[in-house]
C-alpha atoms as a PDB file:
ATOM      1  CA  MET A   1      -7.364 -53.663  11.707  1.00  0.00           C
ATOM      2  CA  THR A   2      -7.359 -50.767   9.258  1.00  0.00           C
ATOM      3  CA  LEU A   3      -6.263 -47.269  10.147  1.00  0.00           C
ATOM      4  CA  SER A   4      -9.869 -46.040   9.726  1.00  0.00           C
ATOM      5  CA  ASP A   5     -11.130 -48.733  12.095  1.00  0.00           C
ATOM      6  CA  GLN A   6      -8.538 -47.758  14.692  1.00  0.00           C
ATOM      7  CA  VAL A   7      -9.498 -44.077  14.459  1.00  0.00           C
ATOM      8  CA  LEU A   8     -13.200 -44.879  14.860  1.00  0.00           C
ATOM      9  CA  ASN A   9     -12.608 -47.320  17.729  1.00  0.00           C
ATOM     10  CA  GLN A  10     -10.509 -44.817  19.636  1.00  0.00           C
ATOM     11  CA  ALA A  11     -13.068 -42.039  19.093  1.00  0.00           C
ATOM     12  CA  GLU A  12     -15.809 -44.380  20.323  1.00  0.00           C
ATOM     13  CA  LEU A  13     -13.915 -44.785  23.588  1.00  0.00           C
ATOM     14  CA  LEU A  14     -14.477 -41.072  24.165  1.00  0.00           C
ATOM     15  CA  THR A  15     -18.178 -41.088  23.311  1.00  0.00           C
ATOM     16  CA  GLY A  16     -19.452 -43.998  25.315  1.00  0.00           C
ATOM     17  CA  GLN A  17     -22.426 -45.917  23.939  1.00  0.00           C
ATOM     18  CA  LEU A  18     -23.902 -44.652  20.693  1.00  0.00           C
ATOM     19  CA  ASP A  19     -27.010 -45.486  18.749  1.00  0.00           C
ATOM     20  CA  ASP A  20     -26.618 -46.376  15.061  1.00  0.00           C
ATOM     21  CA  ALA A  21     -27.139 -42.803  13.878  1.00  0.00           C
ATOM     22  CA  GLY A  22     -24.615 -41.413  16.358  1.00  0.00           C
ATOM     23  CA  ARG A  23     -22.052 -44.048  15.402  1.00  0.00           C
ATOM     24  CA  GLU A  24     -22.519 -43.325  11.699  1.00  0.00           C
ATOM     25  CA  ARG A  25     -22.118 -39.606  12.329  1.00  0.00           C
ATOM     26  CA  LEU A  26     -18.961 -40.258  14.361  1.00  0.00           C
ATOM     27  CA  ARG A  27     -17.622 -42.496  11.565  1.00  0.00           C
ATOM     28  CA  LEU A  28     -18.205 -39.701   9.076  1.00  0.00           C
ATOM     29  CA  MET A  29     -16.462 -37.119  11.288  1.00  0.00           C
ATOM     30  CA  CYS A  30     -13.486 -39.456  11.785  1.00  0.00           C
ATOM     31  CA  THR A  31     -13.236 -40.103   8.047  1.00  0.00           C
ATOM     32  CA  VAL A  32     -13.229 -36.365   7.341  1.00  0.00           C
ATOM     33  CA  ALA A  33     -10.680 -35.737  10.106  1.00  0.00           C
ATOM     34  CA  ALA A  34      -8.344 -38.463   8.828  1.00  0.00           C
ATOM     35  CA  GLY A  35      -8.601 -37.147   5.276  1.00  0.00           C
ATOM     36  CA  SER A  36      -7.927 -33.605   6.376  1.00  0.00           C
ATOM     37  CA  LEU A  37      -4.890 -34.604   8.420  1.00  0.00           C
ATOM     38  CA  THR A  38      -3.547 -36.813   5.628  1.00  0.00           C
ATOM     39  CA  ALA A  39      -3.725 -33.887   3.217  1.00  0.00           C
ATOM     40  CA  GLN A  40      -1.673 -31.762   5.618  1.00  0.00           C
ATOM     41  CA  LEU A  41       1.166 -34.269   6.069  1.00  0.00           C
ATOM     42  CA  ARG A  42       4.566 -33.356   4.674  1.00  0.00           C
ATOM     43  CA  ASP A  43       5.653 -35.031   1.455  1.00  0.00           C
ATOM     44  CA  GLY A  44       7.122 -38.427   2.175  1.00  0.00           C
ATOM     45  CA  VAL A  45       5.161 -38.926   5.413  1.00  0.00           C
ATOM     46  CA  SER A  46       2.162 -41.246   5.375  1.00  0.00           C
ATOM     47  CA  PRO A  47      -0.353 -41.945   8.129  1.00  0.00           C
ATOM     48  CA  GLU A  48       1.113 -45.453   8.390  1.00  0.00           C
ATOM     49  CA  ASP A  49       4.577 -44.014   9.110  1.00  0.00           C
ATOM     50  CA  ILE A  50       3.234 -42.277  12.214  1.00  0.00           C
ATOM     51  CA  ARG A  51       0.335 -44.617  12.908  1.00  0.00           C
ATOM     52  CA  GLU A  52      -0.029 -44.169  16.685  1.00  0.00           C
ATOM     53  CA  ALA A  53       0.171 -40.367  16.611  1.00  0.00           C
ATOM     54  CA  PHE A  54      -2.057 -40.206  13.531  1.00  0.00           C
ATOM     55  CA  VAL A  55      -4.768 -42.424  15.037  1.00  0.00           C
ATOM     56  CA  THR A  56      -4.765 -40.390  18.242  1.00  0.00           C
ATOM     57  CA  ALA A  57      -4.898 -37.048  16.435  1.00  0.00           C
ATOM     58  CA  ALA A  58      -7.572 -38.140  13.943  1.00  0.00           C
ATOM     59  CA  SER A  59      -9.775 -39.618  16.667  1.00  0.00           C
ATOM     60  CA  LEU A  60      -9.503 -36.454  18.800  1.00  0.00           C
ATOM     61  CA  LEU A  61     -10.282 -34.283  15.789  1.00  0.00           C
ATOM     62  CA  GLY A  62     -13.190 -36.503  14.698  1.00  0.00           C
ATOM     63  CA  PHE A  63     -14.583 -36.631  18.215  1.00  0.00           C
ATOM     64  CA  SER A  64     -14.339 -32.864  18.665  1.00  0.00           C
ATOM     65  CA  ARG A  65     -16.257 -32.299  15.436  1.00  0.00           C
ATOM     66  CA  TRP A  66     -18.845 -34.924  16.384  1.00  0.00           C
ATOM     67  CA  SER A  67     -19.342 -33.454  19.860  1.00  0.00           C
ATOM     68  CA  ARG A  68     -20.222 -30.014  18.492  1.00  0.00           C
ATOM     69  CA  GLY A  69     -23.567 -31.379  17.325  1.00  0.00           C
ATOM     70  CA  GLU A  70     -24.325 -33.363  20.452  1.00  0.00           C
ATOM     71  CA  ASP A  71     -25.881 -32.027  23.628  1.00  0.00           C
ATOM     72  CA  ILE A  72     -22.881 -32.950  25.777  1.00  0.00           C
ATOM     73  CA  GLN A  73     -22.203 -30.899  28.868  1.00  0.00           C
ATOM     74  CA  GLU A  74     -19.338 -33.018  30.184  1.00  0.00           C
ATOM     75  CA  PHE A  75     -17.913 -36.491  29.738  1.00  0.00           C
ATOM     76  CA  LYS A  76     -15.146 -38.467  31.403  1.00  0.00           C
ATOM     77  CA  ALA A  77     -13.059 -41.303  29.979  1.00  0.00           C
ATOM     78  CA  GLY A  78     -10.469 -42.576  32.410  1.00  0.00           C
ATOM     79  CA  ASP A  79      -8.356 -39.615  33.525  1.00  0.00           C
ATOM     80  CA  LEU A  80      -9.635 -37.364  30.719  1.00  0.00           C
ATOM     81  CA  THR A  81     -12.535 -34.999  31.409  1.00  0.00           C
ATOM     82  CA  VAL A  82     -13.870 -32.732  28.680  1.00  0.00           C
ATOM     83  CA  LYS A  83     -16.475 -30.059  29.263  1.00  0.00           C
ATOM     84  CA  LYS A  84     -18.679 -28.348  26.704  1.00  0.00           C
ATOM     85  CA  GLY A  85     -16.769 -25.676  24.830  1.00  0.00           C
ATOM     86  CA  GLN A  86     -13.465 -27.552  24.820  1.00  0.00           C
ATOM     87  CA  ALA A  87     -13.737 -28.868  21.247  1.00  0.00           C
ATOM     88  CA  ALA A  88     -11.310 -26.190  20.029  1.00  0.00           C
ATOM     89  CA  ASP A  89      -8.787 -27.365  22.631  1.00  0.00           C
ATOM     90  CA  LEU A  90      -9.034 -30.929  21.334  1.00  0.00           C
ATOM     91  CA  GLU A  91      -8.525 -29.760  17.770  1.00  0.00           C
ATOM     92  CA  ARG A  92      -5.487 -27.726  18.794  1.00  0.00           C
ATOM     93  CA  ASP A  93      -4.079 -30.721  20.670  1.00  0.00           C
ATOM     94  CA  ALA A  94      -4.627 -32.988  17.665  1.00  0.00           C
ATOM     95  CA  LEU A  95      -2.768 -30.612  15.356  1.00  0.00           C
ATOM     96  CA  ALA A  96       0.013 -30.082  17.879  1.00  0.00           C
ATOM     97  CA  LEU A  97       0.504 -33.832  18.168  1.00  0.00           C
ATOM     98  CA  LEU A  98       1.133 -34.060  14.424  1.00  0.00           C
ATOM     99  CA  GLY A  99       2.968 -30.724  14.219  1.00  0.00           C
ATOM    100  CA  PRO A 100       6.388 -32.208  13.393  1.00  0.00           C
ATOM    101  CA  TYR A 101       4.865 -34.148  10.486  1.00  0.00           C
ATOM    102  CA  LEU A 102       2.723 -31.405   8.954  1.00  0.00           C
ATOM    103  CA  LYS A 103       3.616 -29.214   6.008  1.00  0.00           C
ATOM    104  CA  SER A 104       5.115 -25.857   6.908  1.00  0.00           C
ATOM    105  CA  GLY A 105       2.617 -23.130   7.309  1.00  0.00           C
ATOM    106  CA  PHE A 106       0.932 -20.868   9.744  1.00  0.00           C
ATOM    107  CA  LEU A 107      -0.627 -22.621  12.711  1.00  0.00           C
ATOM    108  CA  PHE A 108      -2.531 -20.464  15.191  1.00  0.00           C
ATOM    109  CA  THR A 109      -2.789 -22.277  18.512  1.00  0.00           C
ATOM    110  CA  GLY A 110      -4.366 -19.619  20.690  1.00  0.00           C
ATOM    111  CA  VAL A 111      -3.594 -16.476  22.632  1.00  0.00           C
END
């Protein structure tokens, strides 16, 4: 299974059932998220080197971007419950997960 497939599959676990348009939109958001995170990785670190953390971070980031356009009030997947307005928290968590592997720079994580 490719890295992109893993990211999409994991993000789909958070969304539940999707129609074709929703799945395509999620795929696009996951592709953008993975590309963005890849560009921020330190020199010498590839997504494959940190596959598990990368897949988790990219799927959270892709899902959070996808959910901004959906009329979701709350969803639950296993022990995880996310309520509307928590997309920024997911993005922060995704970046924090990859923090040790990202290029140096300013990272604002909240007040």
